[in-house]
Amino acid sequence: MNEIVTTRQGKVQGSRSDGVYVFKGIPYTTAPFGAYRMLLPQSVEPWGGIRGAFAYGARPPPVPYPSRLDALFPEMVASGEDCLNLNVWTTGLRAVGQPVMVWIAGGEFEHVTNADYDGSRFARDGVVCVSISYRVGADGFLCLGDGTANCGPLCQDSCRIADGVMSAI
């Protein structure tokens, strides 16, 4: 069963399985590449039509050298530019007052994906679960001395930009 909700950025269509609504791969900031690389997170431009939210979004490009994590955690999704996205699991659409748990993956500041976490159990226990991705490597943690630094944590903080998603769900 599919469900469509309206966010501030546009409509998203997710799925429902075992009583849990799931919305995957929803962008929460503008892709941090091109003119937006190394800048503070920017609001997502609204989209027209209905955006499918059935698959995990791209993960941020990893640091370009091998890591011991590569062998431990195989990548479940490809990297790509539209990598600042979130996933939501809930049992109650438009339910007010439910607690929200935001899961932020770790990964030595080099690797991150929100595709290796399933929030269904939290949702079945009445907790809205949100998993996010963020910038890694130099794009996320380099200080250029111009006042813009640590964009990775700033991306994590900018999930409040996506409150339109949460208020709709």
N, C-alpha and C. Protein backbone atom coordinates (compact mmCIF):
# COMPACT_ATOMS: atom_id res chain seq x y z
N MET A 1 0.85 -1.17 0.00
CA MET A 1 0.00 0.00 0.00
C MET A 1 0.89 1.24 0.00
N ASN A 2 0.56 2.23 -0.80
CA ASN A 2 1.33 3.46 -0.90
C ASN A 2 0.57 4.61 -0.25
N GLU A 3 1.33 5.57 0.23
CA GLU A 3 0.75 6.75 0.87
C GLU A 3 1.44 7.99 0.34
N ILE A 4 0.66 9.02 0.05
CA ILE A 4 1.20 10.29 -0.42
C ILE A 4 0.99 11.33 0.68
N VAL A 5 2.07 12.03 1.01
CA VAL A 5 1.98 13.13 1.97
C VAL A 5 2.53 14.39 1.31
N THR A 6 2.07 15.53 1.75
CA THR A 6 2.52 16.80 1.22
C THR A 6 3.49 17.43 2.21
N THR A 7 4.68 17.75 1.73
CA THR A 7 5.68 18.44 2.53
C THR A 7 5.81 19.87 2.03
N ARG A 8 6.61 20.67 2.68
CA ARG A 8 6.83 22.04 2.20
C ARG A 8 7.51 22.06 0.84
N GLN A 9 8.29 21.01 0.55
CA GLN A 9 9.02 20.96 -0.72
C GLN A 9 8.20 20.34 -1.84
N GLY A 10 7.19 19.59 -1.51
CA GLY A 10 6.37 18.93 -2.52
C GLY A 10 5.80 17.63 -1.97
N LYS A 11 5.12 16.90 -2.83
CA LYS A 11 4.50 15.65 -2.40
C LYS A 11 5.50 14.50 -2.52
N VAL A 12 5.44 13.60 -1.54
CA VAL A 12 6.24 12.38 -1.58
C VAL A 12 5.32 11.18 -1.40
N GLN A 13 5.67 10.12 -2.08
CA GLN A 13 4.90 8.89 -1.98
C GLN A 13 5.79 7.80 -1.41
N GLY A 14 5.36 7.24 -0.30
CA GLY A 14 6.10 6.16 0.34
C GLY A 14 5.31 4.88 0.31
N SER A 15 5.77 3.92 1.07
CA SER A 15 5.11 2.62 1.09
C SER A 15 4.68 2.27 2.52
N ARG A 16 3.88 1.23 2.63
CA ARG A 16 3.43 0.75 3.93
C ARG A 16 3.60 -0.76 3.96
N SER A 17 4.22 -1.25 5.02
CA SER A 17 4.44 -2.68 5.17
C SER A 17 4.36 -3.03 6.64
N ASP A 18 3.59 -4.04 6.97
CA ASP A 18 3.42 -4.48 8.36
C ASP A 18 3.04 -3.33 9.30
N GLY A 19 2.19 -2.44 8.82
CA GLY A 19 1.70 -1.34 9.64
C GLY A 19 2.64 -0.16 9.78
N VAL A 20 3.78 -0.17 9.06
CA VAL A 20 4.75 0.91 9.14
C VAL A 20 4.82 1.64 7.80
N TYR A 21 4.67 2.95 7.85
CA TYR A 21 4.84 3.78 6.66
C TYR A 21 6.33 4.10 6.54
N VAL A 22 6.86 3.98 5.32
CA VAL A 22 8.28 4.24 5.09
C VAL A 22 8.42 5.21 3.92
N PHE A 23 9.21 6.26 4.14
CA PHE A 23 9.53 7.25 3.11
C PHE A 23 11.05 7.32 3.04
N LYS A 24 11.62 6.96 1.89
CA LYS A 24 13.08 6.87 1.77
C LYS A 24 13.62 7.86 0.74
N GLY A 25 14.86 8.29 0.98
CA GLY A 25 15.58 9.09 0.00
C GLY A 25 15.06 10.49 -0.21
N ILE A 26 14.45 11.09 0.80
CA ILE A 26 13.91 12.44 0.67
C ILE A 26 15.03 13.45 0.89
N PRO A 27 15.31 14.33 -0.09
CA PRO A 27 16.38 15.31 0.11
C PRO A 27 16.00 16.31 1.19
N TYR A 28 16.97 16.63 2.06
CA TYR A 28 16.69 17.62 3.09
C TYR A 28 17.49 18.90 2.91
N THR A 29 18.48 18.90 2.03
CA THR A 29 19.17 20.13 1.62
C THR A 29 19.55 19.97 0.15
N THR A 30 19.94 21.07 -0.46
CA THR A 30 20.40 21.04 -1.83
C THR A 30 21.69 20.22 -1.91
N ALA A 31 21.88 19.52 -3.01
CA ALA A 31 23.10 18.72 -3.21
C ALA A 31 24.33 19.60 -3.04
N PRO A 32 25.31 19.16 -2.25
CA PRO A 32 26.47 19.99 -1.93
C PRO A 32 27.59 19.90 -2.97
N PHE A 33 27.26 20.13 -4.22
CA PHE A 33 28.25 20.04 -5.29
C PHE A 33 28.12 21.25 -6.19
N GLY A 34 29.06 21.42 -7.09
CA GLY A 34 29.03 22.56 -7.99
C GLY A 34 29.09 23.86 -7.21
N ALA A 35 28.18 24.76 -7.48
CA ALA A 35 28.16 26.07 -6.80
C ALA A 35 27.91 25.96 -5.31
N TYR A 36 27.39 24.83 -4.84
CA TYR A 36 27.06 24.68 -3.42
C TYR A 36 28.13 23.92 -2.63
N ARG A 37 29.21 23.50 -3.30
CA ARG A 37 30.25 22.76 -2.60
C ARG A 37 30.93 23.67 -1.57
N MET A 38 31.14 23.14 -0.40
CA MET A 38 31.80 23.82 0.71
C MET A 38 30.99 25.00 1.26
N LEU A 39 29.74 25.10 0.89
CA LEU A 39 28.87 26.14 1.44
C LEU A 39 27.98 25.55 2.52
N LEU A 40 27.41 26.42 3.31
CA LEU A 40 26.44 25.99 4.32
C LEU A 40 25.27 25.29 3.63
N PRO A 41 24.61 24.39 4.33
CA PRO A 41 23.45 23.71 3.73
C PRO A 41 22.39 24.71 3.26
N GLN A 42 21.81 24.42 2.11
CA GLN A 42 20.80 25.28 1.50
C GLN A 42 19.46 24.55 1.46
N SER A 43 18.38 25.30 1.56
CA SER A 43 17.04 24.71 1.48
C SER A 43 16.82 24.03 0.14
N VAL A 44 16.09 22.95 0.16
CA VAL A 44 15.75 22.22 -1.06
C VAL A 44 14.70 23.02 -1.83
N GLU A 45 14.90 23.12 -3.13
CA GLU A 45 13.91 23.77 -3.98
C GLU A 45 12.68 22.87 -4.07
N PRO A 46 11.49 23.44 -4.03
CA PRO A 46 10.28 22.63 -4.16
C PRO A 46 10.26 21.89 -5.50
N TRP A 47 9.64 20.74 -5.51
CA TRP A 47 9.51 19.96 -6.74
C TRP A 47 8.04 19.86 -7.10
N GLY A 48 7.78 19.66 -8.38
CA GLY A 48 6.42 19.48 -8.85
C GLY A 48 6.07 18.01 -8.90
N GLY A 49 4.82 17.72 -8.97
CA GLY A 49 4.38 16.34 -9.06
C GLY A 49 4.59 15.59 -7.75
N ILE A 50 4.68 14.29 -7.87
CA ILE A 50 4.86 13.43 -6.70
C ILE A 50 6.23 12.76 -6.80
N ARG A 51 7.02 12.93 -5.76
CA ARG A 51 8.35 12.34 -5.72
C ARG A 51 8.27 10.98 -5.05
N GLY A 52 8.72 9.94 -5.73
CA GLY A 52 8.73 8.61 -5.15
C GLY A 52 9.75 8.52 -4.03
N ALA A 53 9.36 7.94 -2.92
CA ALA A 53 10.23 7.80 -1.75
C ALA A 53 10.28 6.33 -1.35
N PHE A 54 10.62 5.49 -2.33
CA PHE A 54 10.61 4.04 -2.14
C PHE A 54 11.99 3.44 -1.96
N ALA A 55 13.04 4.14 -2.37
CA ALA A 55 14.40 3.59 -2.32
C ALA A 55 15.32 4.54 -1.56
N TYR A 56 16.31 3.96 -0.91
CA TYR A 56 17.30 4.78 -0.23
C TYR A 56 17.98 5.70 -1.22
N GLY A 57 18.29 6.90 -0.77
CA GLY A 57 18.99 7.86 -1.63
C GLY A 57 20.47 7.54 -1.73
N ALA A 58 21.13 8.28 -2.57
CA ALA A 58 22.58 8.10 -2.76
C ALA A 58 23.31 8.40 -1.46
N ARG A 59 24.46 7.79 -1.31
CA ARG A 59 25.31 8.10 -0.16
C ARG A 59 26.34 9.12 -0.60
N PRO A 60 26.90 9.89 0.34
CA PRO A 60 27.94 10.85 -0.03
C PRO A 60 29.16 10.12 -0.60
N PRO A 61 29.86 10.74 -1.54
CA PRO A 61 31.08 10.10 -2.06
C PRO A 61 32.06 9.86 -0.91
N PRO A 62 32.61 8.65 -0.83
CA PRO A 62 33.54 8.35 0.25
C PRO A 62 34.90 9.00 0.02
N VAL A 63 35.70 9.03 1.06
CA VAL A 63 37.06 9.51 0.95
C VAL A 63 37.78 8.59 -0.04
N PRO A 64 38.58 9.14 -0.96
CA PRO A 64 39.13 8.34 -2.06
C PRO A 64 40.34 7.48 -1.72
N TYR A 65 40.43 6.97 -0.52
CA TYR A 65 41.49 6.03 -0.22
C TYR A 65 40.91 4.90 0.61
N PRO A 66 41.51 3.73 0.54
CA PRO A 66 40.94 2.57 1.24
C PRO A 66 40.88 2.78 2.75
N SER A 67 39.88 2.23 3.34
CA SER A 67 39.70 2.30 4.79
C SER A 67 39.44 0.90 5.31
N ARG A 68 39.73 0.68 6.57
CA ARG A 68 39.44 -0.63 7.16
C ARG A 68 37.93 -0.89 7.20
N LEU A 69 37.13 0.18 7.11
CA LEU A 69 35.68 0.00 7.11
C LEU A 69 35.17 -0.62 5.81
N ASP A 70 35.94 -0.45 4.72
CA ASP A 70 35.49 -1.00 3.43
C ASP A 70 35.21 -2.49 3.51
N ALA A 71 36.06 -3.22 4.23
CA ALA A 71 35.89 -4.66 4.33
C ALA A 71 34.77 -5.04 5.30
N LEU A 72 34.55 -4.20 6.31
CA LEU A 72 33.54 -4.50 7.32
C LEU A 72 32.12 -4.15 6.90
N PHE A 73 31.99 -3.07 6.15
CA PHE A 73 30.66 -2.56 5.81
C PHE A 73 30.54 -2.36 4.31
N PRO A 74 30.06 -3.35 3.59
CA PRO A 74 29.89 -3.16 2.15
C PRO A 74 28.81 -2.10 1.90
N GLU A 75 29.02 -1.33 0.86
CA GLU A 75 28.08 -0.26 0.54
C GLU A 75 26.80 -0.84 -0.05
N MET A 76 25.66 -0.40 0.47
CA MET A 76 24.36 -0.90 0.02
C MET A 76 23.77 -0.03 -1.10
N VAL A 77 24.25 1.20 -1.22
CA VAL A 77 23.76 2.10 -2.25
C VAL A 77 24.96 2.82 -2.89
N ALA A 78 24.77 3.29 -4.10
CA ALA A 78 25.83 4.00 -4.81
C ALA A 78 25.96 5.42 -4.27
N SER A 79 27.14 5.99 -4.45
CA SER A 79 27.32 7.38 -4.06
C SER A 79 26.81 8.27 -5.20
N GLY A 80 26.49 9.50 -4.85
CA GLY A 80 25.99 10.43 -5.86
C GLY A 80 25.86 11.83 -5.29
N GLU A 81 25.59 12.76 -6.18
CA GLU A 81 25.52 14.16 -5.76
C GLU A 81 24.32 14.47 -4.88
N ASP A 82 23.19 13.87 -5.13
CA ASP A 82 21.99 14.15 -4.33
C ASP A 82 22.02 13.26 -3.09
N CYS A 83 23.05 13.46 -2.27
CA CYS A 83 23.35 12.53 -1.19
C CYS A 83 22.88 12.99 0.19
N LEU A 84 22.35 14.19 0.31
CA LEU A 84 21.87 14.66 1.61
C LEU A 84 20.38 14.39 1.69
N ASN A 85 20.08 13.18 2.15
CA ASN A 85 18.69 12.73 2.16
C ASN A 85 18.39 12.04 3.48
N LEU A 86 17.10 11.85 3.70
CA LEU A 86 16.67 11.20 4.94
C LEU A 86 15.61 10.16 4.64
N ASN A 87 15.40 9.29 5.63
CA ASN A 87 14.39 8.24 5.57
C ASN A 87 13.53 8.36 6.81
N VAL A 88 12.26 8.05 6.69
CA VAL A 88 11.33 8.16 7.81
C VAL A 88 10.50 6.88 7.93
N TRP A 89 10.39 6.38 9.16
CA TRP A 89 9.52 5.24 9.47
C TRP A 89 8.53 5.69 10.54
N THR A 90 7.25 5.42 10.34
CA THR A 90 6.24 5.80 11.33
C THR A 90 5.02 4.89 11.18
N THR A 91 4.28 4.73 12.25
CA THR A 91 3.03 3.98 12.16
C THR A 91 1.83 4.92 12.08
N GLY A 92 2.03 6.17 12.42
CA GLY A 92 0.91 7.11 12.42
C GLY A 92 1.17 8.33 11.58
N LEU A 93 0.55 8.39 10.41
CA LEU A 93 0.67 9.59 9.60
C LEU A 93 -0.09 10.74 10.25
N ARG A 94 0.53 11.88 10.25
CA ARG A 94 -0.05 13.10 10.82
C ARG A 94 -0.36 12.96 12.31
N ALA A 95 0.33 12.04 12.96
CA ALA A 95 0.15 11.86 14.40
C ALA A 95 0.95 12.94 15.13
N VAL A 96 0.32 13.60 16.03
CA VAL A 96 0.96 14.68 16.77
C VAL A 96 1.45 14.14 18.10
N GLY A 97 2.62 14.58 18.51
CA GLY A 97 3.13 14.24 19.82
C GLY A 97 3.91 12.95 19.92
N GLN A 98 4.17 12.28 18.80
CA GLN A 98 4.98 11.07 18.87
C GLN A 98 6.44 11.45 19.08
N PRO A 99 7.17 10.67 19.87
CA PRO A 99 8.60 10.94 19.99
C PRO A 99 9.30 10.65 18.67
N VAL A 100 10.39 11.35 18.42
CA VAL A 100 11.17 11.19 17.19
C VAL A 100 12.60 10.84 17.57
N MET A 101 13.13 9.81 16.95
CA MET A 101 14.52 9.43 17.13
C MET A 101 15.22 9.64 15.80
N VAL A 102 16.30 10.43 15.81
CA VAL A 102 17.08 10.67 14.59
C VAL A 102 18.35 9.85 14.69
N TRP A 103 18.57 8.99 13.70
CA TRP A 103 19.76 8.16 13.67
C TRP A 103 20.76 8.76 12.70
N ILE A 104 21.96 9.06 13.21
CA ILE A 104 23.04 9.62 12.40
C ILE A 104 24.16 8.59 12.38
N ALA A 105 24.44 8.06 11.21
CA ALA A 105 25.47 7.03 11.08
C ALA A 105 26.85 7.59 11.36
N GLY A 106 27.70 6.77 11.93
CA GLY A 106 29.11 7.12 12.10
C GLY A 106 29.90 6.57 10.94
N GLY A 107 31.21 6.72 10.99
CA GLY A 107 32.02 6.17 9.91
C GLY A 107 33.36 6.84 9.75
N GLU A 108 33.99 7.21 10.84
CA GLU A 108 35.33 7.81 10.83
C GLU A 108 35.39 9.09 10.01
N PHE A 109 34.32 9.80 9.86
CA PHE A 109 34.25 11.02 9.05
C PHE A 109 34.58 10.75 7.58
N GLU A 110 34.55 9.48 7.19
CA GLU A 110 34.93 9.10 5.83
C GLU A 110 33.82 8.41 5.06
N HIS A 111 32.99 7.67 5.75
CA HIS A 111 31.94 6.89 5.10
C HIS A 111 30.64 7.14 5.87
N VAL A 112 29.57 7.24 5.16
CA VAL A 112 28.27 7.32 5.82
C VAL A 112 27.20 6.89 4.84
N THR A 113 26.26 6.14 5.36
CA THR A 113 25.08 5.80 4.57
C THR A 113 23.93 5.65 5.54
N ASN A 114 22.77 6.07 5.13
CA ASN A 114 21.60 5.86 5.97
C ASN A 114 20.81 4.66 5.48
N ALA A 115 21.40 3.89 4.57
CA ALA A 115 20.71 2.74 3.99
C ALA A 115 20.96 1.45 4.76
N ASP A 116 21.78 1.50 5.80
CA ASP A 116 22.04 0.27 6.53
C ASP A 116 21.28 0.24 7.86
N TYR A 117 20.25 1.04 7.95
CA TYR A 117 19.47 1.09 9.18
C TYR A 117 17.99 1.01 8.84
N ASP A 118 17.27 0.16 9.53
CA ASP A 118 15.84 0.01 9.32
C ASP A 118 15.13 0.44 10.60
N GLY A 119 14.38 1.51 10.51
CA GLY A 119 13.70 2.06 11.69
C GLY A 119 12.33 1.46 11.98
N SER A 120 11.99 0.37 11.34
CA SER A 120 10.66 -0.22 11.52
C SER A 120 10.36 -0.60 12.96
N ARG A 121 11.33 -1.13 13.67
CA ARG A 121 11.08 -1.55 15.06
C ARG A 121 10.75 -0.37 15.95
N PHE A 122 11.49 0.72 15.77
CA PHE A 122 11.16 1.93 16.54
C PHE A 122 9.74 2.37 16.21
N ALA A 123 9.40 2.39 14.93
CA ALA A 123 8.08 2.84 14.51
C ALA A 123 6.98 1.97 15.13
N ARG A 124 7.18 0.67 15.12
CA ARG A 124 6.17 -0.22 15.71
C ARG A 124 6.01 0.00 17.21
N ASP A 125 7.05 0.55 17.84
CA ASP A 125 6.97 0.88 19.27
C ASP A 125 6.47 2.31 19.52
N GLY A 126 6.00 2.99 18.46
CA GLY A 126 5.42 4.33 18.61
C GLY A 126 6.41 5.47 18.51
N VAL A 127 7.62 5.19 18.03
CA VAL A 127 8.65 6.22 17.87
C VAL A 127 8.88 6.45 16.39
N VAL A 128 8.72 7.69 15.94
CA VAL A 128 9.06 8.02 14.55
C VAL A 128 10.57 7.95 14.44
N CYS A 129 11.07 7.20 13.47
CA CYS A 129 12.51 7.04 13.28
C CYS A 129 12.92 7.74 11.99
N VAL A 130 13.95 8.55 12.08
CA VAL A 130 14.49 9.26 10.92
C VAL A 130 15.97 8.94 10.84
N SER A 131 16.45 8.51 9.68
CA SER A 131 17.88 8.33 9.48
C SER A 131 18.34 9.30 8.41
N ILE A 132 19.53 9.88 8.62
CA ILE A 132 20.03 10.89 7.70
C ILE A 132 21.44 10.57 7.23
N SER A 133 21.83 11.18 6.14
CA SER A 133 23.22 11.15 5.68
C SER A 133 23.77 12.57 5.80
N TYR A 134 25.07 12.71 5.67
CA TYR A 134 25.71 14.02 5.77
C TYR A 134 27.02 13.99 5.01
N ARG A 135 27.62 15.16 4.80
CA ARG A 135 28.89 15.25 4.06
C ARG A 135 30.03 14.63 4.87
N VAL A 136 30.95 13.98 4.16
CA VAL A 136 32.10 13.34 4.81
C VAL A 136 33.40 13.84 4.18
N GLY A 137 34.51 13.42 4.74
CA GLY A 137 35.81 13.79 4.20
C GLY A 137 36.02 15.29 4.23
N ALA A 138 36.79 15.78 3.28
CA ALA A 138 37.08 17.22 3.21
C ALA A 138 35.81 18.04 3.02
N ASP A 139 34.86 17.52 2.23
CA ASP A 139 33.61 18.26 2.01
C ASP A 139 32.84 18.46 3.31
N GLY A 140 33.01 17.55 4.25
CA GLY A 140 32.27 17.65 5.51
C GLY A 140 33.04 18.23 6.67
N PHE A 141 34.38 18.16 6.63
CA PHE A 141 35.12 18.51 7.84
C PHE A 141 36.35 19.38 7.62
N LEU A 142 36.58 19.89 6.43
CA LEU A 142 37.72 20.75 6.15
C LEU A 142 37.40 22.19 6.52
N CYS A 143 38.34 22.86 7.13
CA CYS A 143 38.20 24.30 7.41
C CYS A 143 39.07 25.06 6.43
N LEU A 144 38.47 25.91 5.63
CA LEU A 144 39.20 26.70 4.65
C LEU A 144 39.60 28.07 5.17
N GLY A 145 39.26 28.37 6.41
CA GLY A 145 39.64 29.64 6.99
C GLY A 145 38.77 30.82 6.57
N ASP A 146 37.70 30.57 5.85
CA ASP A 146 36.83 31.66 5.41
C ASP A 146 35.54 31.73 6.21
N GLY A 147 35.52 31.02 7.32
CA GLY A 147 34.32 31.06 8.16
C GLY A 147 33.39 29.90 7.94
N THR A 148 33.58 29.12 6.86
CA THR A 148 32.75 27.95 6.61
C THR A 148 33.58 26.72 6.95
N ALA A 149 33.17 26.01 7.97
CA ALA A 149 33.90 24.81 8.37
C ALA A 149 32.90 23.79 8.90
N ASN A 150 33.32 22.56 8.91
CA ASN A 150 32.52 21.48 9.47
C ASN A 150 31.11 21.42 8.87
N CYS A 151 31.04 21.38 7.57
CA CYS A 151 29.74 21.29 6.90
C CYS A 151 29.02 19.98 7.21
N GLY A 152 29.77 18.94 7.54
CA GLY A 152 29.13 17.66 7.89
C GLY A 152 28.17 17.81 9.06
N PRO A 153 28.66 18.30 10.22
CA PRO A 153 27.75 18.52 11.34
C PRO A 153 26.68 19.57 11.04
N LEU A 154 27.00 20.56 10.23
CA LEU A 154 25.99 21.56 9.88
C LEU A 154 24.87 20.93 9.05
N CYS A 155 25.23 19.95 8.21
CA CYS A 155 24.19 19.21 7.48
C CYS A 155 23.30 18.46 8.44
N GLN A 156 23.92 17.83 9.45
CA GLN A 156 23.13 17.11 10.44
C GLN A 156 22.15 18.06 11.12
N ASP A 157 22.64 19.24 11.47
CA ASP A 157 21.80 20.23 12.14
C ASP A 157 20.71 20.76 11.21
N SER A 158 21.00 20.78 9.91
CA SER A 158 20.04 21.38 8.98
C SER A 158 18.83 20.50 8.73
N CYS A 159 18.78 19.33 9.34
CA CYS A 159 17.57 18.52 9.19
C CYS A 159 16.35 19.28 9.65
N ARG A 160 16.54 20.31 10.45
CA ARG A 160 15.40 21.15 10.82
C ARG A 160 14.82 21.83 9.58
N ILE A 161 15.66 22.01 8.53
CA ILE A 161 15.15 22.53 7.26
C ILE A 161 14.07 21.59 6.74
N ALA A 162 14.23 20.32 7.05
CA ALA A 162 13.29 19.32 6.55
C ALA A 162 12.08 19.15 7.46
N ASP A 163 11.86 20.08 8.37
CA ASP A 163 10.72 19.91 9.29
C ASP A 163 9.41 19.88 8.53
N GLY A 164 9.38 20.37 7.32
CA GLY A 164 8.18 20.26 6.50
C GLY A 164 7.88 18.80 6.19
N VAL A 165 8.92 18.00 6.04
CA VAL A 165 8.72 16.57 5.83
C VAL A 165 8.11 15.97 7.08
N MET A 166 8.71 16.27 8.22
CA MET A 166 8.22 15.68 9.46
C MET A 166 6.82 16.16 9.83
N SER A 167 6.54 17.41 9.58
CA SER A 167 5.21 17.90 9.95
C SER A 167 4.12 17.27 9.07
N ALA A 168 4.51 16.84 7.88
CA ALA A 168 3.53 16.19 7.00
C ALA A 168 3.35 14.74 7.35
N ILE A 169 4.36 14.15 7.93
CA ILE A 169 4.32 12.73 8.23
C ILE A 169 4.03 12.56 9.70
